Protein backbone atom coordinates (compact mmCIF):
# COMPACT_ATOMS: atom_id res chain seq x y z
CA UNK A 1 11.41 -32.11 15.87
CA UNK A 2 12.89 -28.99 17.02
CA UNK A 3 11.56 -27.54 13.60
CA UNK A 4 8.24 -28.78 15.10
CA UNK A 5 8.73 -27.12 18.51
CA UNK A 6 9.89 -23.89 16.93
CA UNK A 7 6.71 -23.67 14.66
CA UNK A 8 4.53 -24.27 17.56
CA UNK A 9 6.17 -21.46 19.76
CA UNK A 10 5.78 -19.07 16.64
CA UNK A 11 1.93 -19.72 16.12
CA UNK A 12 0.64 -20.17 19.62
CA UNK A 13 1.41 -16.31 20.27
CA UNK A 14 -1.67 -13.92 21.12
CA UNK A 15 -1.49 -12.06 18.00
CA UNK A 16 -1.11 -15.02 15.30
CA UNK A 17 -3.96 -17.04 17.56
CA UNK A 18 -6.21 -13.15 17.45
CA UNK A 19 -5.18 -13.59 13.64
CA UNK A 20 -6.60 -16.89 13.74
CA UNK A 21 -9.64 -16.22 15.31
CA UNK A 22 -10.59 -13.16 12.99
CA UNK A 23 -9.84 -15.28 10.17
CA UNK A 24 -12.00 -17.93 11.35
CA UNK A 25 -15.16 -15.59 11.55
CA UNK A 26 -14.26 -13.88 8.54
CA UNK A 27 -14.26 -17.44 6.69
CA UNK A 28 -17.21 -18.76 8.66
CA UNK A 29 -19.45 -15.62 7.07
CA UNK A 30 -17.95 -15.49 3.47
CA UNK A 31 -18.72 -19.46 3.21
CA UNK A 32 -22.17 -19.47 4.32
CA UNK A 33 -23.12 -16.59 1.72
CA UNK A 34 -24.38 -18.33 -0.87
CA UNK A 35 -22.06 -17.35 -4.06
CA UNK A 36 -19.41 -16.23 -2.01
CA UNK A 37 -16.25 -18.91 -2.11
CA UNK A 38 -13.36 -20.08 -0.39
CA UNK A 39 -11.12 -18.71 -3.33
CA UNK A 40 -12.81 -15.28 -3.26
CA UNK A 41 -12.47 -15.48 0.48
CA UNK A 42 -8.70 -15.54 0.05
CA UNK A 43 -8.46 -13.17 -2.57
CA UNK A 44 -10.03 -10.84 -0.35
CA UNK A 45 -7.13 -11.28 2.11
CA UNK A 46 -4.28 -10.26 0.20
CA UNK A 47 -4.44 -6.52 1.31
CA UNK A 48 -4.59 -7.71 4.64
CA UNK A 49 -1.53 -10.30 4.56
CA UNK A 50 0.96 -7.50 3.25
CA UNK A 51 1.03 -6.24 6.80
CA UNK A 52 1.72 -9.25 8.45
CA UNK A 53 4.74 -11.36 8.89
CA UNK A 54 4.74 -14.93 7.16
CA UNK A 55 3.26 -16.70 10.05
CA UNK A 56 0.28 -15.13 10.85
CA UNK A 57 -0.29 -14.28 7.05
CA UNK A 58 -0.27 -18.09 6.27
CA UNK A 59 -1.86 -18.74 9.35
CA UNK A 60 -4.69 -16.64 8.67
CA UNK A 61 -5.79 -17.88 5.30
CA UNK A 62 -5.49 -21.21 6.47
CA UNK A 63 -8.00 -20.75 9.19
CA UNK A 64 -10.26 -19.18 6.76
CA UNK A 65 -10.17 -21.52 4.03
CA UNK A 66 -11.08 -24.25 6.58
CA UNK A 67 -14.02 -22.35 7.95
CA UNK A 68 -15.07 -21.65 4.60
CA UNK A 69 -15.25 -24.85 3.10
CA UNK A 70 -16.89 -26.59 6.25
CA UNK A 71 -19.27 -23.13 6.47
CA UNK A 72 -20.78 -23.65 2.56
CA UNK A 73 -22.60 -26.31 4.26
CA UNK A 74 -24.80 -24.20 6.11
CA UNK A 75 -26.90 -22.64 3.34
CA UNK A 76 -26.98 -26.09 1.12
CA UNK A 77 -28.56 -27.57 4.26
CA UNK A 78 -31.47 -24.93 4.70
CA UNK A 79 -31.49 -23.37 1.03
CA UNK A 80 -30.34 -26.05 -1.16
CA UNK A 81 -27.89 -23.26 -2.53
CA UNK A 82 -23.98 -24.38 -1.71
CA UNK A 83 -21.92 -21.83 -0.14
CA UNK A 84 -18.71 -22.94 -1.71
CA UNK A 85 -18.00 -25.45 -5.25
CA UNK A 86 -16.89 -28.11 -2.47
CA UNK A 87 -20.44 -28.35 -0.95
CA UNK A 88 -22.48 -28.80 -3.96
CA UNK A 89 -21.58 -32.64 -4.12
CA UNK A 90 -23.97 -33.58 -1.46
CA UNK A 91 -25.78 -30.23 -1.17
CA UNK A 92 -29.00 -32.24 -2.68
CA UNK A 93 -28.34 -35.05 0.07
CA UNK A 94 -28.42 -32.13 3.36
CA UNK A 95 -31.25 -30.63 2.02
CA UNK A 96 -33.34 -33.00 1.68
CA UNK A 97 -32.50 -33.90 5.16
CA UNK A 98 -33.89 -30.69 6.53
CA UNK A 99 -36.94 -31.12 4.74
CA UNK A 100 -37.72 -34.74 6.61
CA UNK A 101 -36.48 -32.74 9.59
CA UNK A 102 -32.98 -33.93 10.47
CA UNK A 103 -31.37 -30.12 9.54
CA UNK A 104 -29.45 -30.83 12.68
CA UNK A 105 -28.06 -34.23 11.72
CA UNK A 106 -26.87 -33.02 8.45
CA UNK A 107 -25.05 -30.11 9.60
CA UNK A 108 -23.63 -31.76 12.60
CA UNK A 109 -22.53 -34.53 10.42
CA UNK A 110 -20.99 -31.74 8.08
CA UNK A 111 -19.38 -30.30 11.22
CA UNK A 112 -17.79 -33.15 12.80
CA UNK A 113 -16.63 -34.90 9.44
CA UNK A 114 -15.25 -31.75 8.26
CA UNK A 115 -13.29 -31.79 11.20
CA UNK A 116 -11.90 -35.27 10.99
CA UNK A 117 -11.41 -34.89 7.31
CA UNK A 118 -9.20 -31.55 8.16
CA UNK A 119 -7.37 -33.53 10.59
CA UNK A 120 -6.77 -36.66 8.31
CA UNK A 121 -5.69 -34.38 5.50
CA UNK A 122 -2.91 -32.44 7.74
CA UNK A 123 -1.12 -35.57 8.99
CA UNK A 124 -0.83 -36.53 5.24
CA UNK A 125 0.21 -32.84 4.59
CA UNK A 126 2.82 -33.39 7.41
CA UNK A 127 4.14 -36.88 6.92
CA UNK A 128 4.23 -36.84 2.80
CA UNK A 129 5.74 -33.18 2.15
CA UNK A 130 9.14 -33.14 3.75
CA UNK A 131 9.39 -36.81 2.14
CA UNK A 132 8.81 -35.62 -0.98
CA UNK A 133 10.41 -32.27 -0.57
CA UNK A 134 13.62 -34.61 -0.30
CA UNK A 135 13.10 -36.90 -3.23
CA UNK A 136 12.47 -33.41 -5.36
CA UNK A 137 15.76 -31.43 -4.81
CA UNK A 138 17.45 -34.22 -7.18
CA UNK A 139 15.10 -32.56 -9.82
CA UNK A 140 16.25 -30.73 -12.65
CA UNK A 141 14.78 -28.42 -15.16
CA UNK A 142 13.27 -31.87 -17.26
CA UNK A 143 11.84 -33.13 -14.08
CA UNK A 144 10.37 -29.81 -13.47
CA UNK A 145 9.27 -29.14 -16.86
CA UNK A 146 7.16 -32.70 -16.93
CA UNK A 147 5.75 -31.33 -13.82
CA UNK A 148 4.40 -28.66 -15.27
CA UNK A 149 2.77 -30.67 -17.96
CA UNK A 150 1.36 -32.64 -15.83
CA UNK A 151 -0.50 -30.28 -13.45
CA UNK A 152 -1.66 -28.90 -16.85
CA UNK A 153 -3.05 -31.98 -18.25
CA UNK A 154 -4.94 -32.65 -15.11
CA UNK A 155 -6.29 -29.48 -14.67
CA UNK A 156 -8.04 -29.97 -18.15
CA UNK A 157 -9.09 -33.71 -17.48
CA UNK A 158 -10.62 -33.90 -14.30
CA UNK A 159 -11.96 -30.23 -14.79
CA UNK A 160 -15.86 -30.12 -14.86
CA UNK A 161 -17.81 -29.97 -18.13
CA UNK A 162 -15.80 -30.14 -21.51
CA UNK A 163 -12.42 -31.86 -21.97
CA UNK A 164 -12.17 -29.29 -25.17
CA UNK A 165 -13.63 -26.33 -23.30
CA UNK A 166 -10.95 -27.18 -20.64
CA UNK A 167 -8.07 -27.19 -22.65
CA UNK A 168 -9.74 -23.81 -24.28
CA UNK A 169 -9.37 -22.35 -20.53
CA UNK A 170 -5.99 -23.72 -20.13
CA UNK A 171 -4.38 -22.13 -23.37
CA UNK A 172 -5.75 -18.82 -22.76
CA UNK A 173 -4.20 -19.08 -19.31
CA UNK A 174 -0.76 -19.75 -21.16
CA UNK A 175 -1.21 -17.07 -23.50
CA UNK A 176 -1.52 -14.89 -20.56
CA UNK A 177 1.35 -16.00 -19.01
CA UNK A 178 3.52 -15.13 -21.97
CA UNK A 179 2.86 -11.32 -21.96
CA UNK A 180 5.51 -9.34 -20.98
CA UNK A 181 9.30 -10.05 -21.64
CA UNK A 182 10.66 -13.06 -22.71
CA UNK A 183 12.82 -14.81 -20.42
CA UNK A 184 15.37 -16.11 -23.26
CA UNK A 185 15.43 -13.50 -25.58
CA UNK A 186 14.40 -10.53 -23.81
CA UNK A 187 12.04 -8.96 -26.44
CA UNK A 188 8.47 -7.66 -25.16
CA UNK A 189 5.83 -9.96 -25.85
CA UNK A 190 1.88 -8.75 -26.70
CA UNK A 191 2.77 -5.60 -24.89
CA UNK A 192 1.49 -2.98 -27.60
CA UNK A 193 3.86 -0.67 -26.31
CA UNK A 194 2.69 0.00 -22.54
CA UNK A 195 5.67 -0.09 -20.51
CA UNK A 196 3.37 -1.63 -17.75
CA UNK A 197 2.36 -4.78 -19.40
CA UNK A 198 6.29 -5.45 -20.03
CA UNK A 199 6.32 -6.95 -16.41
CA UNK A 200 3.76 -9.25 -17.07
CA UNK A 201 -0.18 -9.80 -16.10
CA UNK A 202 0.38 -10.51 -12.21
CA UNK A 203 -1.67 -12.79 -11.25
CA UNK A 204 -2.75 -12.02 -8.06
CA UNK A 205 -5.20 -8.92 -9.91
CA UNK A 206 -5.94 -11.61 -12.25
CA UNK A 207 -7.17 -13.92 -9.54
CA UNK A 208 -8.87 -11.49 -7.65
CA UNK A 209 -11.18 -10.61 -10.73
CA UNK A 210 -11.73 -13.95 -12.24
CA UNK A 211 -13.14 -15.30 -8.78
CA UNK A 212 -14.35 -12.12 -7.03
CA UNK A 213 -14.86 -9.68 -9.83
CA UNK A 214 -16.95 -12.51 -11.81
CA UNK A 215 -19.47 -13.11 -8.74
CA UNK A 216 -19.88 -9.30 -8.08
CA UNK A 217 -20.71 -9.31 -12.36
CA UNK A 218 -23.04 -11.98 -11.50
CA UNK A 219 -25.15 -10.56 -8.84
CA UNK A 220 -25.61 -7.17 -10.87
CA UNK A 221 -27.29 -9.11 -13.97
CA UNK A 222 -29.25 -11.60 -12.02
CA UNK A 223 -32.67 -11.27 -11.69
CA UNK A 224 -33.56 -14.17 -9.83
CA UNK A 225 -34.92 -13.38 -6.46
CA UNK A 226 -33.09 -15.01 -3.34
CA UNK A 227 -34.85 -18.34 -2.06
CA UNK A 228 -37.11 -17.65 1.55
CA UNK A 229 -34.79 -18.52 4.17
CA UNK A 230 -35.87 -22.23 5.96
CA UNK A 231 -38.08 -21.75 9.10
CA UNK A 232 -36.83 -24.73 10.96
CA UNK A 233 -35.51 -24.55 14.69
CA UNK A 234 -31.86 -25.59 14.68
CA UNK A 235 -31.34 -27.06 18.61
CA UNK A 236 -28.82 -29.80 19.36
CA UNK A 237 -26.80 -30.30 15.96
CA UNK A 238 -24.37 -33.17 18.23
CA UNK A 239 -27.41 -35.35 18.98
CA UNK A 240 -27.08 -38.85 17.08
CA UNK A 241 -23.28 -38.13 15.64
CA UNK A 242 -21.89 -40.64 17.76
CA UNK A 243 -24.25 -43.19 15.75
CA UNK A 244 -23.47 -41.70 12.48
CA UNK A 245 -19.60 -41.93 12.97
CA UNK A 246 -19.54 -45.32 14.72
CA UNK A 247 -21.61 -47.08 11.88
CA UNK A 248 -20.24 -45.44 9.29
CA UNK A 249 -16.89 -44.96 10.48
CA UNK A 250 -15.72 -46.95 7.11
CA UNK A 251 -16.73 -43.91 5.32
CA UNK A 252 -14.95 -41.50 7.36
CA UNK A 253 -11.75 -43.07 6.26
CA UNK A 254 -12.56 -43.92 2.86
CA UNK A 255 -13.92 -40.16 2.70
CA UNK A 256 -10.73 -38.58 4.55
CA UNK A 257 -7.77 -40.49 2.40
CA UNK A 258 -9.87 -40.13 -0.65
CA UNK A 259 -9.53 -36.34 -0.24
CA UNK A 260 -6.44 -36.41 0.48
CA UNK A 261 -5.03 -38.52 -2.42
CA UNK A 262 -7.38 -36.30 -5.12
CA UNK A 263 -6.21 -32.92 -3.22
CA UNK A 264 -2.40 -33.76 -4.17
CA UNK A 265 -3.30 -33.70 -7.84
CA UNK A 266 -2.57 -30.29 -9.31
CA UNK A 267 -5.68 -28.71 -10.30
CA UNK A 268 -7.83 -31.26 -8.13
CA UNK A 269 -9.03 -29.16 -5.06
CA UNK A 270 -11.77 -30.08 -2.29
CA UNK A 271 -14.64 -29.81 -4.55
CA UNK A 272 -12.95 -32.48 -7.03
CA UNK A 273 -12.36 -34.85 -3.60
CA UNK A 274 -16.61 -33.90 -2.57
CA UNK A 275 -17.23 -35.28 -6.12
CA UNK A 276 -15.70 -38.30 -6.18
CA UNK A 277 -15.89 -39.53 -2.70
CA UNK A 278 -20.21 -39.05 -2.90
CA UNK A 279 -20.04 -40.82 -5.85
CA UNK A 280 -17.79 -43.81 -4.54
CA UNK A 281 -20.03 -43.65 -1.26
CA UNK A 282 -22.89 -44.09 -4.10
CA UNK A 283 -21.31 -47.14 -5.84
CA UNK A 284 -20.34 -49.17 -3.11
CA UNK A 285 -23.56 -48.18 -0.64
CA UNK A 286 -25.37 -51.21 0.85
CA UNK A 287 -28.54 -48.61 0.64
CA UNK A 288 -28.52 -46.99 -2.97
CA UNK A 289 -32.41 -46.75 -3.09
CA UNK A 290 -31.87 -43.77 -0.21
CA UNK A 291 -29.79 -41.46 -1.73
CA UNK A 292 -31.48 -38.65 -2.96
CA UNK A 293 -34.18 -38.88 -0.63
CA UNK A 294 -31.97 -37.46 2.34
CA UNK A 295 -29.34 -40.33 3.48
CA UNK A 296 -27.07 -39.12 5.50
CA UNK A 297 -23.78 -41.75 4.05
CA UNK A 298 -23.14 -39.21 1.36
CA UNK A 299 -22.89 -36.55 3.46
CA UNK A 300 -20.56 -38.47 5.38
CA UNK A 301 -18.20 -39.42 2.92
CA UNK A 302 -18.12 -36.23 0.77
CA UNK A 303 -18.25 -33.76 4.02
CA UNK A 304 -14.52 -35.89 5.06
CA UNK A 305 -13.25 -35.59 1.88
CA UNK A 306 -13.77 -31.62 1.23
CA UNK A 307 -11.55 -30.27 4.10
CA UNK A 308 -8.99 -33.42 3.73
CA UNK A 309 -8.43 -32.06 -0.01
CA UNK A 310 -7.73 -29.00 1.48
CA UNK A 311 -4.83 -30.26 3.48
CA UNK A 312 -3.37 -32.48 0.84
CA UNK A 313 -3.56 -29.65 -2.26
CA UNK A 314 -0.80 -27.83 0.30
CA UNK A 315 1.50 -31.18 -1.03
CA UNK A 316 2.41 -29.76 -4.50
CA UNK A 317 1.85 -26.24 -3.79
CA UNK A 318 5.36 -26.16 -1.08
CA UNK A 319 7.31 -29.21 -2.63
CA UNK A 320 7.06 -27.77 -5.98
CA UNK A 321 5.05 -24.76 -6.45
CA UNK A 322 2.62 -25.79 -8.25
CA UNK A 323 -0.60 -25.25 -7.19
CA UNK A 324 -2.73 -27.83 -6.10
CA UNK A 325 -6.09 -26.03 -6.46
CA UNK A 326 -7.36 -22.20 -7.20
CA UNK A 327 -6.95 -21.12 -3.57
CA UNK A 328 -2.87 -22.37 -3.16
CA UNK A 329 -2.51 -20.53 -6.59
CA UNK A 330 -3.53 -17.80 -4.61
CA UNK A 331 -1.16 -18.95 -1.56
CA UNK A 332 1.80 -19.25 -3.81
CA UNK A 333 2.03 -15.38 -4.23
CA UNK A 334 1.35 -14.83 -0.89
CA UNK A 335 4.41 -17.42 -0.44
CA UNK A 336 6.85 -15.29 -2.87
CA UNK A 337 5.60 -11.96 -1.36
CA UNK A 338 7.02 -13.23 1.95
CA UNK A 339 10.08 -14.57 0.74
CA UNK A 340 8.86 -18.54 1.26
CA UNK A 341 9.94 -19.26 -2.27
CA UNK A 342 8.63 -22.73 -2.79
CA UNK A 343 9.99 -25.36 -3.41
CA UNK A 344 12.18 -28.45 -1.99
CA UNK A 345 14.57 -26.08 -0.45
CA UNK A 346 12.14 -24.38 1.60
CA UNK A 347 12.46 -27.30 3.61
CA UNK A 348 15.92 -27.06 4.02
CA UNK A 349 16.31 -23.04 4.35
CA UNK A 350 12.88 -22.02 6.57
CA UNK A 351 11.64 -25.72 7.92
CA UNK A 352 10.03 -23.70 11.37
CA UNK A 353 7.93 -21.72 8.66
CA UNK A 354 6.78 -24.90 6.66
CA UNK A 355 5.71 -26.67 10.04
CA UNK A 356 4.26 -23.57 11.55
CA UNK A 357 1.84 -23.91 8.00
CA UNK A 358 1.13 -27.71 9.62
CA UNK A 359 0.50 -26.66 12.91
CA UNK A 360 -1.59 -23.85 11.76
CA UNK A 361 -4.01 -26.26 10.09
CA UNK A 362 -4.21 -28.72 12.91
CA UNK A 363 -5.10 -25.87 15.07
CA UNK A 364 -7.94 -24.83 12.45
CA UNK A 365 -9.41 -28.05 12.33
CA UNK A 366 -9.35 -28.58 15.83
CA UNK A 367 -11.02 -25.05 16.17
CA UNK A 368 -13.55 -25.54 13.72
CA UNK A 369 -15.72 -27.42 16.28
CA UNK A 370 -16.82 -25.04 18.46
CA UNK A 371 -16.68 -21.90 16.35
CA UNK A 372 -18.55 -23.84 13.49
CA UNK A 373 -20.97 -25.01 15.97
CA UNK A 374 -21.62 -21.54 16.98
CA UNK A 375 -21.68 -20.54 12.99
CA UNK A 376 -24.36 -22.64 12.40
CA UNK A 377 -26.21 -21.77 15.81
CA UNK A 378 -26.41 -18.04 14.20
CA UNK A 379 -27.31 -19.06 10.50
CA UNK A 380 -30.06 -17.81 10.32
CA UNK A 381 -28.37 -14.23 11.09
CA UNK A 382 -25.82 -14.72 8.90
CA UNK A 383 -28.09 -15.47 5.78
CA UNK A 384 -30.18 -12.76 6.30
CA UNK A 385 -27.06 -10.37 5.31
CA UNK A 386 -28.54 -8.56 2.09
CA UNK A 387 -26.29 -8.93 -1.03
CA UNK A 388 -27.00 -5.20 -2.21
CA UNK A 389 -24.97 -4.54 1.01
CA UNK A 390 -22.40 -6.98 0.93
CA UNK A 391 -21.35 -7.06 -2.47
CA UNK A 392 -20.56 -3.47 -2.55
CA UNK A 393 -18.20 -3.70 0.27
CA UNK A 394 -16.07 -6.97 -1.31
CA UNK A 395 -15.69 -4.82 -4.66
CA UNK A 396 -14.13 -2.05 -2.37
CA UNK A 397 -11.85 -4.65 -1.21
CA UNK A 398 -10.66 -5.96 -4.39
CA UNK A 399 -9.94 -2.55 -5.74
CA UNK A 400 -7.63 -1.63 -2.62
CA UNK A 401 -5.47 -4.70 -2.80
CA UNK A 402 -5.12 -5.25 -6.53
CA UNK A 403 -4.20 -1.57 -6.13
CA UNK A 404 -1.86 -2.52 -3.61
CA UNK A 405 -0.11 -4.91 -5.29
CA UNK A 406 2.23 -2.75 -7.40
CA UNK A 407 0.74 0.58 -6.45
CA UNK A 408 -0.48 1.30 -9.53
CA UNK A 409 -4.06 1.23 -11.03
CA UNK A 410 -2.88 -0.85 -13.63
CA UNK A 411 -3.67 -3.70 -11.21
CA UNK A 412 -6.99 -2.36 -11.09
CA UNK A 413 -7.53 -2.69 -14.72
CA UNK A 414 -6.32 -6.72 -14.83
CA UNK A 415 -8.66 -7.53 -11.99
CA UNK A 416 -11.72 -5.77 -14.34
CA UNK A 417 -10.69 -6.74 -17.35
CA UNK A 418 -9.78 -10.56 -16.13
CA UNK A 419 -13.28 -10.00 -14.09
CA UNK A 420 -15.12 -9.97 -17.36
CA UNK A 421 -13.47 -12.31 -18.87
CA UNK A 422 -14.18 -14.66 -16.36
CA UNK A 423 -18.06 -14.00 -15.56
CA UNK A 424 -17.99 -14.30 -20.08
CA UNK A 425 -16.33 -17.69 -19.86
CA UNK A 426 -18.46 -19.05 -16.98
CA UNK A 427 -21.36 -17.85 -18.51
CA UNK A 428 -20.74 -20.35 -21.97
CA UNK A 429 -19.52 -23.61 -19.87
CA UNK A 430 -15.44 -22.62 -19.71
CA UNK A 431 -14.16 -23.69 -16.22
CA UNK A 432 -11.95 -20.94 -14.65
CA UNK A 433 -9.40 -23.06 -12.78
CA UNK A 434 -7.33 -24.25 -15.88
CA UNK A 435 -6.83 -20.52 -16.36
CA UNK A 436 -5.25 -20.11 -13.48
CA UNK A 437 -3.20 -22.55 -13.54
CA UNK A 438 -2.01 -21.64 -16.85
CA UNK A 439 -1.61 -18.02 -15.76
CA UNK A 440 0.64 -19.68 -12.61
CA UNK A 441 2.27 -22.62 -14.30
CA UNK A 442 3.30 -20.76 -17.54
CA UNK A 443 5.86 -19.40 -16.89
CA UNK A 444 7.43 -22.29 -15.19
CA UNK A 445 6.51 -24.24 -18.17
CA UNK A 446 8.67 -21.68 -20.13
CA UNK A 447 11.75 -21.01 -18.30
CA UNK A 448 12.05 -25.09 -17.61
CA UNK A 449 11.77 -25.74 -21.23
CA UNK A 450 14.09 -23.11 -22.31
CA UNK A 451 16.75 -24.10 -20.23
CA UNK A 452 15.96 -27.67 -21.19
CA UNK A 453 16.11 -26.77 -24.85
CA UNK A 454 19.54 -25.30 -23.90
CA UNK A 455 21.25 -28.21 -22.27
CA UNK A 456 20.19 -30.28 -24.52
CA UNK A 457 21.50 -28.57 -27.65
CA UNK A 458 18.01 -28.63 -28.59
CA UNK A 459 17.45 -32.33 -28.93
CA UNK A 460 14.03 -33.13 -27.62
CA UNK A 461 15.41 -36.52 -26.61
CA UNK A 462 17.18 -34.75 -23.57
CA UNK A 463 13.59 -34.74 -21.55
CA UNK A 464 14.07 -38.20 -21.44
CA UNK A 465 17.64 -38.71 -20.76
CA UNK A 466 16.85 -38.91 -16.75
CA UNK A 467 14.91 -42.21 -14.91
CA UNK A 468 12.78 -39.42 -13.85
CA UNK A 469 12.37 -37.55 -16.48
CA UNK A 470 11.03 -40.36 -18.46
CA UNK A 471 8.65 -41.66 -15.71
CA UNK A 472 7.10 -38.09 -15.34
CA UNK A 473 7.18 -37.75 -19.42
CA UNK A 474 5.72 -41.07 -20.34
CA UNK A 475 2.76 -40.48 -17.63
CA UNK A 476 2.01 -36.94 -19.26
CA UNK A 477 1.85 -38.54 -22.76
CA UNK A 478 -0.37 -41.18 -21.44
CA UNK A 479 -2.65 -38.28 -20.12
CA UNK A 480 -2.71 -37.25 -23.19
CA UNK A 481 -3.55 -39.98 -25.29
CA UNK A 482 -6.53 -40.64 -23.18
CA UNK A 483 -8.88 -38.70 -24.41
CA UNK A 484 -7.71 -39.46 -27.97
CA UNK A 485 -8.41 -42.74 -27.39
CA UNK A 486 -11.59 -42.62 -25.78
CA UNK A 487 -13.10 -40.83 -28.91
CA UNK A 488 -11.59 -43.08 -31.16
CA UNK A 489 -13.27 -45.93 -29.34
CA UNK A 490 -16.88 -44.17 -29.24
CA UNK A 491 -16.42 -43.57 -32.97
CA UNK A 492 -15.76 -46.78 -33.63
CA UNK A 493 -18.82 -48.17 -31.31
CA UNK A 494 -21.35 -45.88 -32.96
CA UNK A 495 -20.57 -47.07 -36.32
CA UNK A 496 -20.83 -50.38 -35.66
CA UNK A 497 -24.05 -49.80 -34.13
């Protein structure tokens, strides 16, 4: 309680509140523009966080992301273009409501459910993270190795599209993480005599490139003209919301629970949570036939789940240093820069800073209601911003942010190369998220593997010598066998038909 009160005093300061307000406006703007994701918004904030203390820096990111995830619903409902991937699950449903003259209902439901889901996810983060931290203190290199394997495996299994392409994407990320000095032997790997590459590939310029530059390239090569803005007036967005929440109160709770639990899974994130919640909503709905024609029930479930998933993704990031999604992968880099090394000891050494994160989450989701209302009312102006004006500004921020990491052009080069690679991958159906997680977790995976092999004197049995390690190891191996068994079963069925 003392740490929580101290954290509240750190957050409720004029400077921090001012930063959060500006971050909210930025997040609403980025999320409302189709193609500009919450991950990109986080990447663009990196240069500004260099000059902030830890509390305002983290509060800035928390507020931006919470606002951006909701704001993605605005172009989804009005243009059938999801502003962020998390809005894609129920974009068709919201747009169908708009075509029926119910744009206010679609956007109002998204706003209120996003705030409720965010608060539910924040409660889970506040309750589970400290408990898991006490449990994680008992972890050795064996457990951390299996935990890294679990995070990487989840990223492949739940990634959209082909599992094989997800695996290839992951292996690309793991290869990139090996560039630099061998952490055990001290020998340079894949540096080609370049001194700057001996320090490895910094994942912040890499992520800025993969999420921001890839979108810039996609805009430049696109020949499709933007869709016209819906000319429907938006008036009272809260009319009828009470009736909707009363009728679908179980859906609100279910969507929030799904979002919070799925968000905790490494590599899942808000977009996966939204898709799962929408699928569950349709499966157990009493009005399945209404889905696809403008049914608000799916918007309730998925709209609650996506913001709940945001908070849940911070649990593995803070407790184990394993990104819950691509956003927290960037956040981990910011935490390291601010001296807040993610892991269980952070709850012992800097509890007031962690509790400040909790307070910032609650405050951001409460502020989402009034600020989201204003964003909806001004949505026409937000959506009218010319992309040919916005894209050069984004490119400028990307270059500044990548250069500022080490004050060298090498960071800009990494950004450009990774951005081009991400664009080519996405154009050919390869997901980018496993590559990012491979870059972030590759060093952790190798470090703990080598440490464990040295302690076990080269015996693989050491990885199953402790109860927690053995449990995690069996779970990971089971996850690896699932795709193989599924393929074998499908092959046998095909032969029998």
